[in-house]
N, C-alpha and C. Protein backbone atom coordinates (compact mmCIF):
# COMPACT_ATOMS: atom_id res chain seq x y z
N UNK A 1 -113.34 64.94 61.73
CA UNK A 1 -112.22 64.29 61.08
C UNK A 1 -112.53 62.80 60.96
N UNK A 2 -112.30 62.24 59.80
CA UNK A 2 -112.62 60.83 59.61
C UNK A 2 -111.60 59.93 60.32
N UNK A 3 -112.02 58.72 60.56
CA UNK A 3 -111.14 57.76 61.24
C UNK A 3 -109.91 57.45 60.41
N UNK A 4 -110.08 57.42 59.10
CA UNK A 4 -108.94 57.15 58.22
C UNK A 4 -107.88 58.24 58.38
N UNK A 5 -108.31 59.49 58.47
CA UNK A 5 -107.37 60.61 58.66
C UNK A 5 -106.68 60.48 60.01
N UNK A 6 -107.42 60.09 61.04
CA UNK A 6 -106.82 59.92 62.37
C UNK A 6 -105.74 58.85 62.34
N UNK A 7 -106.01 57.74 61.68
CA UNK A 7 -105.01 56.66 61.59
C UNK A 7 -103.78 57.15 60.83
N UNK A 8 -103.99 57.86 59.73
CA UNK A 8 -102.85 58.37 58.95
C UNK A 8 -102.02 59.38 59.73
N UNK A 9 -102.69 60.27 60.46
CA UNK A 9 -101.97 61.25 61.28
C UNK A 9 -101.20 60.53 62.39
N UNK A 10 -101.81 59.52 63.00
CA UNK A 10 -101.11 58.76 64.05
C UNK A 10 -99.86 58.10 63.48
N UNK A 11 -99.95 57.57 62.27
CA UNK A 11 -98.77 56.95 61.65
C UNK A 11 -97.68 57.99 61.36
N UNK A 12 -98.09 59.17 60.90
CA UNK A 12 -97.09 60.22 60.61
C UNK A 12 -96.43 60.72 61.89
N UNK A 13 -97.21 60.91 62.95
CA UNK A 13 -96.62 61.35 64.22
C UNK A 13 -95.72 60.25 64.78
N UNK A 14 -96.14 58.99 64.64
CA UNK A 14 -95.30 57.88 65.08
C UNK A 14 -93.97 57.88 64.32
N UNK A 15 -94.03 58.10 63.01
CA UNK A 15 -92.81 58.13 62.21
C UNK A 15 -91.89 59.26 62.65
N UNK A 16 -92.47 60.44 62.91
CA UNK A 16 -91.64 61.57 63.36
C UNK A 16 -91.02 61.29 64.71
N UNK A 17 -91.79 60.72 65.63
CA UNK A 17 -91.26 60.40 66.96
C UNK A 17 -90.16 59.34 66.88
N UNK A 18 -90.37 58.34 66.05
CA UNK A 18 -89.36 57.27 65.92
C UNK A 18 -88.09 57.80 65.26
N UNK A 19 -88.24 58.68 64.28
CA UNK A 19 -87.06 59.29 63.65
C UNK A 19 -86.31 60.16 64.67
N UNK A 20 -87.05 60.91 65.46
CA UNK A 20 -86.41 61.71 66.51
C UNK A 20 -85.70 60.83 67.52
N UNK A 21 -86.31 59.71 67.86
CA UNK A 21 -85.68 58.77 68.80
C UNK A 21 -84.39 58.21 68.21
N UNK A 22 -84.41 57.93 66.91
CA UNK A 22 -83.19 57.41 66.26
C UNK A 22 -82.08 58.45 66.30
N UNK A 23 -82.42 59.71 66.14
CA UNK A 23 -81.41 60.78 66.18
C UNK A 23 -80.83 60.97 67.58
N UNK A 24 -81.65 60.66 68.61
CA UNK A 24 -81.17 60.78 69.99
C UNK A 24 -80.55 59.48 70.50
N UNK A 25 -80.34 58.53 69.63
CA UNK A 25 -79.62 57.32 69.99
C UNK A 25 -80.45 56.21 70.59
N UNK A 26 -81.74 56.14 70.30
CA UNK A 26 -82.58 55.08 70.86
C UNK A 26 -82.42 53.77 70.11
N UNK A 27 -81.64 53.75 69.10
CA UNK A 27 -81.41 52.52 68.36
C UNK A 27 -81.62 52.74 66.87
N UNK A 28 -80.79 52.11 66.07
CA UNK A 28 -80.87 52.27 64.62
C UNK A 28 -82.15 51.67 64.06
N UNK A 29 -82.72 50.72 64.75
CA UNK A 29 -83.96 50.09 64.28
C UNK A 29 -85.10 51.08 64.22
N UNK A 30 -85.04 52.14 65.01
CA UNK A 30 -86.13 53.12 65.05
C UNK A 30 -86.29 53.82 63.70
N UNK A 31 -85.19 54.05 63.00
CA UNK A 31 -85.26 54.71 61.70
C UNK A 31 -85.98 53.82 60.68
N UNK A 32 -85.70 52.55 60.70
CA UNK A 32 -86.38 51.62 59.80
C UNK A 32 -87.87 51.50 60.11
N UNK A 33 -88.20 51.48 61.38
CA UNK A 33 -89.61 51.40 61.78
C UNK A 33 -90.32 52.71 61.41
N UNK A 34 -89.61 53.84 61.51
CA UNK A 34 -90.18 55.12 61.10
C UNK A 34 -90.51 55.12 59.61
N UNK A 35 -89.63 54.57 58.80
CA UNK A 35 -89.89 54.47 57.36
C UNK A 35 -91.08 53.56 57.08
N UNK A 36 -91.20 52.50 57.85
CA UNK A 36 -92.34 51.60 57.70
C UNK A 36 -93.64 52.33 58.04
N UNK A 37 -93.60 53.18 59.05
CA UNK A 37 -94.80 53.95 59.43
C UNK A 37 -95.20 54.92 58.32
N UNK A 38 -94.23 55.56 57.69
CA UNK A 38 -94.54 56.47 56.58
C UNK A 38 -95.12 55.69 55.40
N UNK A 39 -94.51 54.57 55.08
CA UNK A 39 -95.05 53.73 54.00
C UNK A 39 -96.44 53.22 54.36
N UNK A 40 -96.67 53.02 55.65
CA UNK A 40 -97.98 52.56 56.11
C UNK A 40 -99.09 53.56 55.80
N UNK A 41 -98.75 54.84 55.77
CA UNK A 41 -99.76 55.86 55.42
C UNK A 41 -100.24 55.64 54.00
N UNK A 42 -99.31 55.50 53.07
CA UNK A 42 -99.68 55.29 51.67
C UNK A 42 -100.45 53.98 51.49
N UNK A 43 -99.99 52.95 52.17
CA UNK A 43 -100.66 51.65 52.05
C UNK A 43 -102.05 51.69 52.68
N UNK A 44 -102.21 52.42 53.77
CA UNK A 44 -103.52 52.53 54.41
C UNK A 44 -104.53 53.16 53.48
N UNK A 45 -104.10 54.17 52.75
CA UNK A 45 -105.00 54.85 51.81
C UNK A 45 -105.27 53.98 50.59
N UNK A 46 -104.27 53.24 50.15
CA UNK A 46 -104.40 52.47 48.91
C UNK A 46 -105.13 51.15 49.09
N UNK A 47 -105.05 50.54 50.26
CA UNK A 47 -105.60 49.21 50.45
C UNK A 47 -106.98 49.24 51.08
N UNK A 48 -107.65 48.11 51.03
CA UNK A 48 -108.95 47.95 51.69
C UNK A 48 -109.15 46.47 51.99
N UNK A 49 -110.07 46.20 52.88
CA UNK A 49 -110.43 44.81 53.18
C UNK A 49 -109.35 44.06 53.92
N UNK A 50 -109.16 42.82 53.51
CA UNK A 50 -108.21 41.93 54.18
C UNK A 50 -106.79 42.47 54.08
N UNK A 51 -106.45 43.06 52.95
CA UNK A 51 -105.09 43.59 52.77
C UNK A 51 -104.80 44.69 53.79
N UNK A 52 -105.81 45.52 54.06
CA UNK A 52 -105.62 46.60 55.05
C UNK A 52 -105.51 46.01 56.45
N UNK A 53 -106.22 44.93 56.73
CA UNK A 53 -106.10 44.29 58.04
C UNK A 53 -104.73 43.65 58.21
N UNK A 54 -104.21 43.04 57.17
CA UNK A 54 -102.86 42.47 57.24
C UNK A 54 -101.85 43.58 57.48
N UNK A 55 -102.03 44.71 56.81
CA UNK A 55 -101.16 45.87 57.05
C UNK A 55 -101.21 46.28 58.51
N UNK A 56 -102.41 46.31 59.10
CA UNK A 56 -102.54 46.65 60.51
C UNK A 56 -101.78 45.70 61.40
N UNK A 57 -101.85 44.41 61.09
CA UNK A 57 -101.11 43.42 61.88
C UNK A 57 -99.61 43.63 61.75
N UNK A 58 -99.15 43.94 60.55
CA UNK A 58 -97.72 44.17 60.33
C UNK A 58 -97.24 45.41 61.09
N UNK A 59 -98.04 46.48 61.04
CA UNK A 59 -97.65 47.70 61.74
C UNK A 59 -97.64 47.50 63.26
N UNK A 60 -98.64 46.79 63.78
CA UNK A 60 -98.67 46.53 65.22
C UNK A 60 -97.48 45.65 65.63
N UNK A 61 -97.17 44.66 64.81
CA UNK A 61 -96.02 43.79 65.11
C UNK A 61 -94.71 44.57 65.04
N UNK A 62 -94.60 45.49 64.09
CA UNK A 62 -93.39 46.32 64.00
C UNK A 62 -93.26 47.20 65.24
N UNK A 63 -94.37 47.71 65.72
CA UNK A 63 -94.34 48.51 66.95
C UNK A 63 -93.90 47.69 68.14
N UNK A 64 -94.40 46.46 68.22
CA UNK A 64 -94.00 45.57 69.32
C UNK A 64 -92.51 45.23 69.22
N UNK A 65 -92.05 45.00 68.00
CA UNK A 65 -90.61 44.71 67.81
C UNK A 65 -89.78 45.94 68.16
N UNK A 66 -90.29 47.13 67.86
CA UNK A 66 -89.58 48.36 68.20
C UNK A 66 -89.45 48.53 69.69
N UNK A 67 -90.46 48.08 70.43
CA UNK A 67 -90.39 48.18 71.89
C UNK A 67 -89.24 47.33 72.42
N UNK A 68 -88.98 46.22 71.77
CA UNK A 68 -87.87 45.36 72.19
C UNK A 68 -86.51 45.93 71.77
N UNK A 69 -86.51 46.75 70.71
CA UNK A 69 -85.24 47.26 70.18
C UNK A 69 -84.77 48.54 70.85
N UNK A 70 -85.59 49.15 71.67
CA UNK A 70 -85.22 50.42 72.30
C UNK A 70 -84.12 50.18 73.33
N UNK A 71 -83.06 50.95 73.19
CA UNK A 71 -82.00 50.88 74.20
C UNK A 71 -82.24 51.97 75.23
N UNK A 72 -81.55 51.94 76.33
CA UNK A 72 -81.79 52.86 77.44
C UNK A 72 -81.12 54.20 77.29
N UNK A 73 -81.38 54.90 76.19
CA UNK A 73 -80.75 56.21 75.97
C UNK A 73 -81.80 57.31 76.06
N UNK A 74 -81.38 58.52 75.71
CA UNK A 74 -82.24 59.69 75.83
C UNK A 74 -83.43 59.71 74.90
N UNK A 75 -83.45 58.92 73.87
CA UNK A 75 -84.56 58.94 72.93
C UNK A 75 -85.69 58.00 73.29
N UNK A 76 -85.65 57.41 74.46
CA UNK A 76 -86.65 56.41 74.79
C UNK A 76 -88.05 56.99 74.93
N UNK A 77 -88.18 58.24 75.37
CA UNK A 77 -89.52 58.84 75.49
C UNK A 77 -90.14 59.00 74.10
N UNK A 78 -89.36 59.52 73.16
CA UNK A 78 -89.84 59.65 71.79
C UNK A 78 -90.13 58.28 71.18
N UNK A 79 -89.24 57.34 71.42
CA UNK A 79 -89.45 55.99 70.90
C UNK A 79 -90.72 55.39 71.49
N UNK A 80 -90.93 55.58 72.77
CA UNK A 80 -92.14 55.05 73.40
C UNK A 80 -93.39 55.65 72.80
N UNK A 81 -93.39 56.97 72.57
CA UNK A 81 -94.53 57.63 71.95
C UNK A 81 -94.78 57.08 70.55
N UNK A 82 -93.73 56.97 69.78
CA UNK A 82 -93.86 56.44 68.42
C UNK A 82 -94.36 55.01 68.40
N UNK A 83 -93.85 54.20 69.30
CA UNK A 83 -94.27 52.80 69.35
C UNK A 83 -95.73 52.68 69.75
N UNK A 84 -96.14 53.45 70.75
CA UNK A 84 -97.55 53.41 71.18
C UNK A 84 -98.47 53.83 70.04
N UNK A 85 -98.12 54.91 69.33
CA UNK A 85 -98.95 55.37 68.22
C UNK A 85 -98.97 54.36 67.08
N UNK A 86 -97.83 53.74 66.81
CA UNK A 86 -97.75 52.75 65.74
C UNK A 86 -98.61 51.53 66.07
N UNK A 87 -98.51 51.04 67.29
CA UNK A 87 -99.32 49.89 67.69
C UNK A 87 -100.81 50.25 67.67
N UNK A 88 -101.15 51.45 68.13
CA UNK A 88 -102.56 51.88 68.14
C UNK A 88 -103.11 52.00 66.72
N UNK A 89 -102.33 52.57 65.81
CA UNK A 89 -102.78 52.70 64.43
C UNK A 89 -102.92 51.32 63.78
N UNK A 90 -101.96 50.44 64.04
CA UNK A 90 -102.06 49.08 63.50
C UNK A 90 -103.27 48.34 64.04
N UNK A 91 -103.53 48.50 65.34
CA UNK A 91 -104.70 47.85 65.93
C UNK A 91 -105.99 48.42 65.36
N UNK A 92 -106.03 49.73 65.10
CA UNK A 92 -107.22 50.33 64.51
C UNK A 92 -107.47 49.78 63.11
N UNK A 93 -106.41 49.60 62.34
CA UNK A 93 -106.57 49.01 61.01
C UNK A 93 -107.04 47.57 61.10
N UNK A 94 -106.53 46.88 62.06
CA UNK A 94 -106.87 45.46 62.22
C UNK A 94 -108.31 45.28 62.69
N UNK A 95 -108.73 46.07 63.63
CA UNK A 95 -110.04 45.87 64.26
C UNK A 95 -111.16 46.64 63.56
N UNK A 96 -110.91 47.88 63.20
CA UNK A 96 -111.98 48.75 62.71
C UNK A 96 -111.88 49.03 61.22
N UNK A 97 -111.32 48.12 60.46
CA UNK A 97 -111.10 48.36 59.03
C UNK A 97 -112.42 48.64 58.29
N UNK A 98 -113.47 47.96 58.64
CA UNK A 98 -114.75 48.15 57.93
C UNK A 98 -115.32 49.55 58.10
N UNK A 99 -115.01 50.19 59.22
CA UNK A 99 -115.56 51.53 59.47
C UNK A 99 -114.69 52.64 58.90
N UNK A 100 -113.55 52.30 58.33
CA UNK A 100 -112.67 53.31 57.75
C UNK A 100 -113.09 53.61 56.32
N UNK A 101 -112.91 54.85 55.91
CA UNK A 101 -113.25 55.25 54.55
C UNK A 101 -112.38 54.49 53.55
N UNK A 102 -112.94 54.31 52.39
CA UNK A 102 -112.21 53.66 51.30
C UNK A 102 -112.13 54.63 50.14
N UNK A 103 -111.04 55.37 50.03
CA UNK A 103 -110.93 56.34 48.94
C UNK A 103 -111.09 55.64 47.59
N UNK A 104 -111.85 56.26 46.71
CA UNK A 104 -112.10 55.70 45.39
C UNK A 104 -113.26 54.73 45.35
N UNK A 105 -113.86 54.41 46.48
CA UNK A 105 -114.96 53.46 46.49
C UNK A 105 -116.16 53.98 45.71
N UNK A 106 -116.34 55.28 45.69
CA UNK A 106 -117.50 55.82 44.97
C UNK A 106 -117.35 55.64 43.46
N UNK A 107 -116.13 55.37 42.98
CA UNK A 107 -115.92 55.19 41.55
C UNK A 107 -115.91 53.72 41.14
N UNK A 108 -116.08 52.83 42.10
CA UNK A 108 -116.07 51.40 41.80
C UNK A 108 -117.33 51.04 41.03
N UNK A 109 -117.23 49.98 40.26
CA UNK A 109 -118.39 49.52 39.49
C UNK A 109 -119.49 49.07 40.45
N UNK A 110 -120.72 49.40 40.11
CA UNK A 110 -121.84 49.02 40.94
C UNK A 110 -122.18 47.55 40.75
N UNK A 111 -122.75 46.97 41.76
CA UNK A 111 -123.20 45.59 41.71
C UNK A 111 -124.39 45.51 40.76
N UNK A 112 -124.32 44.69 39.69
CA UNK A 112 -125.44 44.65 38.74
C UNK A 112 -126.70 44.04 39.35
N UNK A 113 -126.58 43.32 40.44
CA UNK A 113 -127.75 42.70 41.07
C UNK A 113 -128.40 43.61 42.10
N UNK A 114 -127.77 44.73 42.38
CA UNK A 114 -128.32 45.67 43.35
C UNK A 114 -129.36 46.55 42.66
N UNK A 115 -130.51 46.69 43.25
CA UNK A 115 -131.59 47.48 42.67
C UNK A 115 -131.53 48.90 43.20
N UNK A 116 -131.68 49.84 42.29
CA UNK A 116 -131.73 51.25 42.67
C UNK A 116 -133.05 51.54 43.36
N UNK A 117 -133.04 52.36 44.36
CA UNK A 117 -134.25 52.70 45.07
C UNK A 117 -134.81 54.06 44.64
N UNK A 118 -134.09 54.76 43.81
CA UNK A 118 -134.54 56.06 43.33
C UNK A 118 -135.72 55.86 42.38
N UNK A 119 -136.89 56.45 42.68
CA UNK A 119 -138.06 56.22 41.82
C UNK A 119 -137.89 56.79 40.42
N UNK A 120 -137.16 57.89 40.29
CA UNK A 120 -136.93 58.44 38.96
C UNK A 120 -136.07 57.49 38.14
N UNK A 121 -135.09 56.92 38.77
CA UNK A 121 -134.22 55.98 38.07
C UNK A 121 -134.98 54.71 37.69
N UNK A 122 -135.90 54.29 38.57
CA UNK A 122 -136.69 53.10 38.29
C UNK A 122 -137.52 53.28 37.02
N UNK A 123 -138.07 54.48 36.82
CA UNK A 123 -138.86 54.75 35.62
C UNK A 123 -137.99 54.64 34.37
N UNK A 124 -136.78 55.18 34.44
CA UNK A 124 -135.88 55.08 33.29
C UNK A 124 -135.47 53.63 33.04
N UNK A 125 -135.25 52.87 34.11
CA UNK A 125 -134.91 51.46 33.95
C UNK A 125 -136.05 50.69 33.27
N UNK A 126 -137.30 51.01 33.64
CA UNK A 126 -138.45 50.37 33.01
C UNK A 126 -138.49 50.71 31.52
N UNK A 127 -138.26 51.97 31.17
CA UNK A 127 -138.24 52.37 29.76
C UNK A 127 -137.11 51.67 29.01
N UNK A 128 -135.94 51.56 29.64
CA UNK A 128 -134.81 50.87 29.02
C UNK A 128 -135.12 49.41 28.75
N UNK A 129 -135.93 48.82 29.63
CA UNK A 129 -136.30 47.41 29.47
C UNK A 129 -137.45 47.22 28.49
N UNK A 130 -137.98 48.32 27.92
CA UNK A 130 -139.05 48.21 26.92
C UNK A 130 -140.44 48.17 27.54
N UNK A 131 -140.55 48.52 28.82
CA UNK A 131 -141.85 48.53 29.48
C UNK A 131 -142.30 49.97 29.72
N UNK A 132 -143.60 50.17 29.73
CA UNK A 132 -144.16 51.49 30.00
C UNK A 132 -144.32 51.65 31.51
N UNK A 133 -143.60 52.57 32.16
CA UNK A 133 -143.68 52.70 33.60
C UNK A 133 -145.01 53.29 34.07
N UNK A 134 -145.82 53.84 33.16
CA UNK A 134 -147.10 54.39 33.57
C UNK A 134 -148.20 53.35 33.57
N UNK A 135 -147.94 52.21 32.99
CA UNK A 135 -148.94 51.11 32.95
C UNK A 135 -148.73 50.18 34.14
N UNK A 136 -149.77 49.81 34.79
CA UNK A 136 -149.68 48.88 35.91
C UNK A 136 -149.73 47.45 35.45
């Protein structure tokens, strides 16, 4: 399983736990943080680079704020689980963003200054440039 999938699953489980905590009376703020976690899944898949790191910081900060918003009711175990998962997923986005998959990256335009290493492609490039690849 890729790291990106693990982060997305952690965000979804965090959202479910926080929603459950809100239903058990752990505080109305838990429902809003749960919605943020669900939106974080879509944003995690859509973003890359610095934007994804900023998202990680926002998610981790929301988890920390959720820890302060938990009241002493029956939903605190669920809230705690959701908060821990949310902070962990945010930290993973913040720290390990470069190692996460970037959906759609294979369709991005190639760098024109990057040279292909495929020898078959090199021969075609030589022909395209008007040179004979068989001549030294």
